[in-house]
């Protein structure tokens, strides 16, 4: 199982926002992670459409969580952000595999995917930052100019 870079970036954004009570800019988050601001803008837009973050334009604008970190389940974020969780061709209706009617691989992969997502559902965004909060803040803190 492998999540897309898009989902990875979404989880990173949510982790950073869970650490900060104030709004952060996309530029600050992109700089902290060393990733493209352009890509992060797309991710933040999707997170905003899905109700995970709130955005505000302008000089005092930025991004913040739309609800408490304890209310955001990691499994739900992965389901919402991943475009396709089909692990093998037979997950789709357009199966061209000759052994599909007799193959148990699909059943095994379906069970594995279900268990993977159920495990992610056991964790909230708050769980991801709870133990290492100070260290994460230190690493991700935007530089202060002043």
C-alpha atoms as a PDB file:
ATOM      1  CA  UNK A   1       0.000   0.000   0.000  1.00  0.00           C
ATOM      2  CA  UNK A   2       1.335   3.398  -0.920  1.00  0.00           C
ATOM      3  CA  UNK A   3      -0.359   6.749  -0.567  1.00  0.00           C
ATOM      4  CA  UNK A   4       0.152   9.454  -3.135  1.00  0.00           C
ATOM      5  CA  UNK A   5       2.412  12.446  -2.577  1.00  0.00           C
ATOM      6  CA  UNK A   6      -0.776  14.541  -2.613  1.00  0.00           C
ATOM      7  CA  UNK A   7      -2.119  12.705   0.446  1.00  0.00           C
ATOM      8  CA  UNK A   8       1.288  12.845   2.113  1.00  0.00           C
ATOM      9  CA  UNK A   9       1.351  16.627   1.666  1.00  0.00           C
ATOM     10  CA  UNK A  10      -2.210  16.897   3.005  1.00  0.00           C
ATOM     11  CA  UNK A  11      -1.239  15.024   6.160  1.00  0.00           C
ATOM     12  CA  UNK A  12       1.855  17.213   6.572  1.00  0.00           C
ATOM     13  CA  UNK A  13      -0.234  20.382   6.255  1.00  0.00           C
ATOM     14  CA  UNK A  14      -2.714  19.119   8.831  1.00  0.00           C
ATOM     15  CA  UNK A  15       0.082  18.137  11.229  1.00  0.00           C
ATOM     16  CA  UNK A  16       1.661  21.579  11.001  1.00  0.00           C
ATOM     17  CA  UNK A  17      -1.671  23.320  11.480  1.00  0.00           C
ATOM     18  CA  UNK A  18      -2.436  21.120  14.502  1.00  0.00           C
ATOM     19  CA  UNK A  19       0.705  22.524  16.125  1.00  0.00           C
ATOM     20  CA  UNK A  20      -0.165  26.191  15.603  1.00  0.00           C
ATOM     21  CA  UNK A  21      -3.040  28.154  17.114  1.00  0.00           C
ATOM     22  CA  UNK A  22      -2.490  30.962  14.590  1.00  0.00           C
ATOM     23  CA  UNK A  23      -2.930  30.989  10.841  1.00  0.00           C
ATOM     24  CA  UNK A  24      -0.010  29.870   8.710  1.00  0.00           C
ATOM     25  CA  UNK A  25       0.701  30.845   5.143  1.00  0.00           C
ATOM     26  CA  UNK A  26       1.152  28.293   2.405  1.00  0.00           C
ATOM     27  CA  UNK A  27       4.582  29.812   1.766  1.00  0.00           C
ATOM     28  CA  UNK A  28       5.604  29.184   5.398  1.00  0.00           C
ATOM     29  CA  UNK A  29       4.440  25.572   5.234  1.00  0.00           C
ATOM     30  CA  UNK A  30       6.129  24.972   1.877  1.00  0.00           C
ATOM     31  CA  UNK A  31       9.374  26.437   3.219  1.00  0.00           C
ATOM     32  CA  UNK A  32       9.217  24.352   6.417  1.00  0.00           C
ATOM     33  CA  UNK A  33       8.840  21.107   4.467  1.00  0.00           C
ATOM     34  CA  UNK A  34      10.974  22.076   1.482  1.00  0.00           C
ATOM     35  CA  UNK A  35       8.174  21.354  -0.986  1.00  0.00           C
ATOM     36  CA  UNK A  36       6.605  23.277  -3.848  1.00  0.00           C
ATOM     37  CA  UNK A  37       4.286  26.117  -2.871  1.00  0.00           C
ATOM     38  CA  UNK A  38       2.335  25.480  -6.067  1.00  0.00           C
ATOM     39  CA  UNK A  39       1.620  21.842  -5.100  1.00  0.00           C
ATOM     40  CA  UNK A  40       0.780  22.822  -1.539  1.00  0.00           C
ATOM     41  CA  UNK A  41      -1.717  25.412  -2.790  1.00  0.00           C
ATOM     42  CA  UNK A  42      -3.635  22.668  -4.608  1.00  0.00           C
ATOM     43  CA  UNK A  43      -3.570  20.459  -1.518  1.00  0.00           C
ATOM     44  CA  UNK A  44      -4.778  23.252   0.773  1.00  0.00           C
ATOM     45  CA  UNK A  45      -7.572  24.096  -1.670  1.00  0.00           C
ATOM     46  CA  UNK A  46      -8.770  20.471  -1.569  1.00  0.00           C
ATOM     47  CA  UNK A  47      -8.507  20.359   2.234  1.00  0.00           C
ATOM     48  CA  UNK A  48     -10.575  23.549   2.374  1.00  0.00           C
ATOM     49  CA  UNK A  49     -13.223  22.125   0.018  1.00  0.00           C
ATOM     50  CA  UNK A  50     -13.438  19.023   2.242  1.00  0.00           C
ATOM     51  CA  UNK A  51     -13.839  21.104   5.408  1.00  0.00           C
ATOM     52  CA  UNK A  52     -10.525  20.261   7.079  1.00  0.00           C
ATOM     53  CA  UNK A  53      -9.084  23.776   6.915  1.00  0.00           C
ATOM     54  CA  UNK A  54     -10.259  27.365   6.728  1.00  0.00           C
ATOM     55  CA  UNK A  55      -8.478  29.876   4.541  1.00  0.00           C
ATOM     56  CA  UNK A  56      -8.445  33.639   4.682  1.00  0.00           C
ATOM     57  CA  UNK A  57      -6.976  35.990   2.109  1.00  0.00           C
ATOM     58  CA  UNK A  58      -5.173  39.209   2.787  1.00  0.00           C
ATOM     59  CA  UNK A  59      -2.383  40.493   4.969  1.00  0.00           C
ATOM     60  CA  UNK A  60      -3.720  38.769   8.086  1.00  0.00           C
ATOM     61  CA  UNK A  61      -4.779  35.735   6.103  1.00  0.00           C
ATOM     62  CA  UNK A  62      -3.545  32.193   6.028  1.00  0.00           C
ATOM     63  CA  UNK A  63      -4.686  28.676   6.776  1.00  0.00           C
ATOM     64  CA  UNK A  64      -5.865  27.045  10.000  1.00  0.00           C
ATOM     65  CA  UNK A  65      -7.732  23.919  11.012  1.00  0.00           C
ATOM     66  CA  UNK A  66     -11.498  24.156  10.555  1.00  0.00           C
ATOM     67  CA  UNK A  67     -12.122  21.861  13.530  1.00  0.00           C
ATOM     68  CA  UNK A  68     -10.134  20.506  16.467  1.00  0.00           C
ATOM     69  CA  UNK A  69      -7.309  18.070  15.676  1.00  0.00           C
ATOM     70  CA  UNK A  70      -8.945  15.495  17.945  1.00  0.00           C
ATOM     71  CA  UNK A  71     -11.931  15.415  15.556  1.00  0.00           C
ATOM     72  CA  UNK A  72      -9.891  14.659  12.424  1.00  0.00           C
ATOM     73  CA  UNK A  73      -9.364  10.938  11.768  1.00  0.00           C
ATOM     74  CA  UNK A  74      -6.303   9.988   9.730  1.00  0.00           C
ATOM     75  CA  UNK A  75      -8.174   7.237   7.881  1.00  0.00           C
ATOM     76  CA  UNK A  76     -10.868   9.669   6.756  1.00  0.00           C
ATOM     77  CA  UNK A  77      -8.246  12.093   5.453  1.00  0.00           C
ATOM     78  CA  UNK A  78      -6.582   9.306   3.469  1.00  0.00           C
ATOM     79  CA  UNK A  79      -9.925   8.153   2.020  1.00  0.00           C
ATOM     80  CA  UNK A  80     -10.852  11.740   1.113  1.00  0.00           C
ATOM     81  CA  UNK A  81      -7.520  12.610  -0.485  1.00  0.00           C
ATOM     82  CA  UNK A  82      -6.651   9.399  -2.325  1.00  0.00           C
ATOM     83  CA  UNK A  83      -8.044   9.345  -5.846  1.00  0.00           C
ATOM     84  CA  UNK A  84      -7.994   5.554  -6.123  1.00  0.00           C
ATOM     85  CA  UNK A  85      -7.550   2.971  -3.393  1.00  0.00           C
ATOM     86  CA  UNK A  86      -7.874   0.046  -5.788  1.00  0.00           C
ATOM     87  CA  UNK A  87      -4.820  -2.096  -5.112  1.00  0.00           C
ATOM     88  CA  UNK A  88      -5.275  -4.398  -8.086  1.00  0.00           C
ATOM     89  CA  UNK A  89      -7.080  -4.272 -11.422  1.00  0.00           C
ATOM     90  CA  UNK A  90      -9.955  -6.479 -10.278  1.00  0.00           C
ATOM     91  CA  UNK A  91     -11.058  -3.820  -7.754  1.00  0.00           C
ATOM     92  CA  UNK A  92     -12.483  -2.002 -10.779  1.00  0.00           C
ATOM     93  CA  UNK A  93     -15.309  -3.247 -12.953  1.00  0.00           C
ATOM     94  CA  UNK A  94     -12.998  -3.281 -16.000  1.00  0.00           C
ATOM     95  CA  UNK A  95     -11.180  -6.457 -15.030  1.00  0.00           C
ATOM     96  CA  UNK A  96      -9.335  -8.228 -17.831  1.00  0.00           C
ATOM     97  CA  UNK A  97      -7.686 -10.913 -15.712  1.00  0.00           C
ATOM     98  CA  UNK A  98      -8.481 -14.466 -16.799  1.00  0.00           C
ATOM     99  CA  UNK A  99      -8.386 -15.950 -13.293  1.00  0.00           C
ATOM    100  CA  UNK A 100     -10.666 -13.419 -11.564  1.00  0.00           C
ATOM    101  CA  UNK A 101     -13.621 -15.807 -11.163  1.00  0.00           C
ATOM    102  CA  UNK A 102     -11.433 -18.234  -9.178  1.00  0.00           C
ATOM    103  CA  UNK A 103      -8.765 -15.995  -7.662  1.00  0.00           C
ATOM    104  CA  UNK A 104      -8.647 -15.194  -3.954  1.00  0.00           C
ATOM    105  CA  UNK A 105      -6.093 -12.395  -4.333  1.00  0.00           C
ATOM    106  CA  UNK A 106      -8.800  -9.760  -4.543  1.00  0.00           C
ATOM    107  CA  UNK A 107     -10.322 -10.971  -1.264  1.00  0.00           C
ATOM    108  CA  UNK A 108      -6.915 -10.835   0.428  1.00  0.00           C
ATOM    109  CA  UNK A 109      -6.185  -7.335  -0.872  1.00  0.00           C
ATOM    110  CA  UNK A 110      -9.650  -6.109   0.102  1.00  0.00           C
ATOM    111  CA  UNK A 111      -9.121  -7.401   3.627  1.00  0.00           C
ATOM    112  CA  UNK A 112      -5.637  -5.858   3.799  1.00  0.00           C
ATOM    113  CA  UNK A 113      -6.915  -2.485   2.611  1.00  0.00           C
ATOM    114  CA  UNK A 114      -9.816  -2.605   5.063  1.00  0.00           C
ATOM    115  CA  UNK A 115      -7.475  -3.387   7.969  1.00  0.00           C
ATOM    116  CA  UNK A 116      -5.022  -0.678   6.866  1.00  0.00           C
ATOM    117  CA  UNK A 117      -7.761   1.960   6.805  1.00  0.00           C
ATOM    118  CA  UNK A 118      -9.285   0.716  10.067  1.00  0.00           C
ATOM    119  CA  UNK A 119      -5.874   1.125  11.714  1.00  0.00           C
ATOM    120  CA  UNK A 120      -5.597   4.677  10.380  1.00  0.00           C
ATOM    121  CA  UNK A 121      -9.126   5.330  11.694  1.00  0.00           C
ATOM    122  CA  UNK A 122      -7.850   4.531  15.190  1.00  0.00           C
ATOM    123  CA  UNK A 123      -5.715   7.694  15.092  1.00  0.00           C
ATOM    124  CA  UNK A 124      -6.625  11.349  15.124  1.00  0.00           C
ATOM    125  CA  UNK A 125      -4.563  14.289  14.007  1.00  0.00           C
ATOM    126  CA  UNK A 126      -4.056  15.079  17.699  1.00  0.00           C
ATOM    127  CA  UNK A 127      -2.528  11.623  18.208  1.00  0.00           C
ATOM    128  CA  UNK A 128       0.045  12.384  15.498  1.00  0.00           C
ATOM    129  CA  UNK A 129       1.346  15.489  17.281  1.00  0.00           C
ATOM    130  CA  UNK A 130       0.762  14.701  20.953  1.00  0.00           C
ATOM    131  CA  UNK A 131       4.042  13.050  21.941  1.00  0.00           C
ATOM    132  CA  UNK A 132       6.484  15.093  19.894  1.00  0.00           C
ATOM    133  CA  UNK A 133       4.769  18.483  19.906  1.00  0.00           C
ATOM    134  CA  UNK A 134       7.748  20.587  21.045  1.00  0.00           C
ATOM    135  CA  UNK A 135      10.190  18.958  18.647  1.00  0.00           C
ATOM    136  CA  UNK A 136       7.785  19.272  15.718  1.00  0.00           C
ATOM    137  CA  UNK A 137       7.103  22.928  16.494  1.00  0.00           C
ATOM    138  CA  UNK A 138      10.828  23.647  16.669  1.00  0.00           C
ATOM    139  CA  UNK A 139      11.436  21.995  13.287  1.00  0.00           C
ATOM    140  CA  UNK A 140       8.412  23.482  11.519  1.00  0.00           C
ATOM    141  CA  UNK A 141       8.270  26.950  13.133  1.00  0.00           C
ATOM    142  CA  UNK A 142       8.466  29.688  10.508  1.00  0.00           C
ATOM    143  CA  UNK A 143      11.368  32.093  11.132  1.00  0.00           C
ATOM    144  CA  UNK A 144      10.389  35.202  13.078  1.00  0.00           C
ATOM    145  CA  UNK A 145      11.385  38.536  11.643  1.00  0.00           C
ATOM    146  CA  UNK A 146      11.285  41.196  14.218  1.00  0.00           C
END
